Amino acid sequence: MRKAKVFMHNELAGLLTENEEGYTFTYDTYYLAQQNSLPVSLTLPITSTPYHSKTLFAFFDGLIPEGWLLEIAERNWKLKSRDRMGLLLACCRDCIGAVSIIEEE
């Protein structure tokens, strides 16, 4: 199982996990309690109920680079293009925009 902390404007927003059944995204309880918390995506509105998917959620998949940058990431980290969670963890620590993904050890 692989896990990633999802940050929104440098504040912990939730946890993304991958296991043999697919993916789960759960908002952090402290983040949920804040009045000014924003959803990480319009497709993942703020809720205490975990989101489940057999494939990586489209929002997170969209953070992964494409084209020549993806080729560099695959080559440098020896990742396959089908390993979406691996690519997300390797490439999305410092994304353009408000969201950052950091592997939970």
Protein backbone atom coordinates (compact mmCIF):
# COMPACT_ATOMS: atom_id res chain seq x y z
CA MET A 1 0.00 0.00 0.00
CA ARG A 2 1.25 3.46 -0.89
CA LYS A 3 0.08 6.66 0.79
CA ALA A 4 0.40 10.32 -0.04
CA LYS A 5 -0.35 13.43 1.97
CA VAL A 6 -2.28 15.95 -0.09
CA PHE A 7 -1.60 19.61 0.73
CA MET A 8 -3.71 22.59 -0.29
CA HIS A 9 -1.87 25.94 0.01
CA ASN A 10 0.75 24.14 2.17
CA GLU A 11 -1.90 22.90 4.63
CA LEU A 12 -2.60 19.18 5.01
CA ALA A 13 -5.93 18.60 3.26
CA GLY A 14 -6.15 14.83 3.13
CA LEU A 15 -4.66 11.43 2.48
CA LEU A 16 -4.58 9.53 -0.81
CA THR A 17 -3.99 5.79 -0.56
CA GLU A 18 -3.46 3.09 -3.16
CA ASN A 19 -4.00 -0.61 -2.44
CA GLU A 20 -4.92 -3.73 -4.41
CA GLU A 21 -8.58 -2.60 -4.60
CA GLY A 22 -7.86 0.88 -5.99
CA TYR A 23 -7.60 4.37 -4.55
CA THR A 24 -9.11 6.21 -1.59
CA PHE A 25 -9.01 9.93 -0.84
CA THR A 26 -10.03 11.14 2.62
CA TYR A 27 -10.05 14.72 3.83
CA ASP A 28 -8.15 15.37 7.06
CA THR A 29 -10.44 15.92 10.08
CA TYR A 30 -8.61 19.10 11.12
CA TYR A 31 -8.90 20.44 7.56
CA LEU A 32 -12.62 19.66 7.57
CA ALA A 33 -13.07 21.63 10.80
CA GLN A 34 -11.62 24.83 9.33
CA GLN A 35 -14.20 27.33 8.08
CA ASN A 36 -12.14 28.55 5.13
CA SER A 37 -11.09 25.12 3.81
CA LEU A 38 -11.35 24.69 0.07
CA PRO A 39 -11.82 21.41 -1.80
CA VAL A 40 -8.70 20.15 -3.54
CA SER A 41 -10.86 19.83 -6.67
CA LEU A 42 -14.43 20.56 -7.72
CA THR A 43 -14.72 16.84 -8.42
CA LEU A 44 -13.77 16.08 -4.79
CA PRO A 45 -16.04 18.33 -2.69
CA ILE A 46 -15.27 18.62 1.01
CA THR A 47 -16.90 15.79 2.96
CA SER A 48 -16.03 13.47 5.83
CA THR A 49 -16.95 10.48 3.66
CA PRO A 50 -13.93 8.89 1.90
CA TYR A 51 -13.88 8.80 -1.90
CA HIS A 52 -13.10 5.45 -3.57
CA SER A 53 -12.10 4.66 -7.15
CA LYS A 54 -10.66 1.67 -9.02
CA THR A 55 -8.44 4.08 -10.99
CA LEU A 56 -6.52 7.16 -9.89
CA PHE A 57 -8.94 10.07 -9.48
CA ALA A 58 -8.92 12.24 -12.62
CA PHE A 59 -7.86 15.34 -10.66
CA PHE A 60 -4.72 13.66 -9.29
CA ASP A 61 -3.97 11.99 -12.62
CA GLY A 62 -4.13 15.43 -14.24
CA LEU A 63 -1.27 16.65 -12.02
CA ILE A 64 1.14 14.15 -13.59
CA PRO A 65 3.29 15.71 -16.33
CA GLU A 66 2.83 14.79 -19.97
CA GLY A 67 4.96 14.60 -23.09
CA TRP A 68 8.70 15.06 -22.86
CA LEU A 69 8.56 15.85 -19.13
CA LEU A 70 6.79 12.55 -18.48
CA GLU A 71 9.46 10.74 -20.53
CA ILE A 72 12.19 12.32 -18.38
CA ALA A 73 10.38 11.30 -15.18
CA GLU A 74 9.90 7.73 -16.40
CA ARG A 75 13.54 7.46 -17.41
CA ASN A 76 15.08 9.14 -14.32
CA TRP A 77 12.95 7.35 -11.72
CA LYS A 78 12.60 4.14 -13.77
CA LEU A 79 8.81 4.31 -13.59
CA LYS A 80 6.32 2.95 -16.08
CA SER A 81 3.65 5.24 -17.51
CA ARG A 82 1.00 2.86 -16.10
CA ASP A 83 2.29 3.40 -12.52
CA ARG A 84 0.19 6.52 -11.98
CA MET A 85 0.65 6.62 -8.18
CA GLY A 86 4.42 6.25 -8.57
CA LEU A 87 4.50 9.11 -11.07
CA LEU A 88 2.27 11.25 -8.83
CA LEU A 89 4.59 10.67 -5.85
CA ALA A 90 7.74 11.31 -7.88
CA CYS A 91 6.61 14.36 -9.85
CA CYS A 92 3.99 16.24 -7.85
CA ARG A 93 5.76 17.34 -4.70
CA ASP A 94 5.96 20.88 -6.09
CA CYS A 95 3.16 21.27 -8.65
CA ILE A 96 2.00 24.41 -10.36
CA GLY A 97 -1.04 25.56 -8.40
CA ALA A 98 -2.29 25.11 -4.85
CA VAL A 99 -1.95 21.32 -4.46
CA SER A 100 1.18 19.39 -3.47
CA ILE A 101 1.57 15.65 -3.04
CA ILE A 102 4.10 14.22 -0.58
CA GLU A 103 4.64 10.51 -0.01
CA GLU A 104 3.79 9.31 3.48
CA GLU A 105 6.44 6.94 4.74
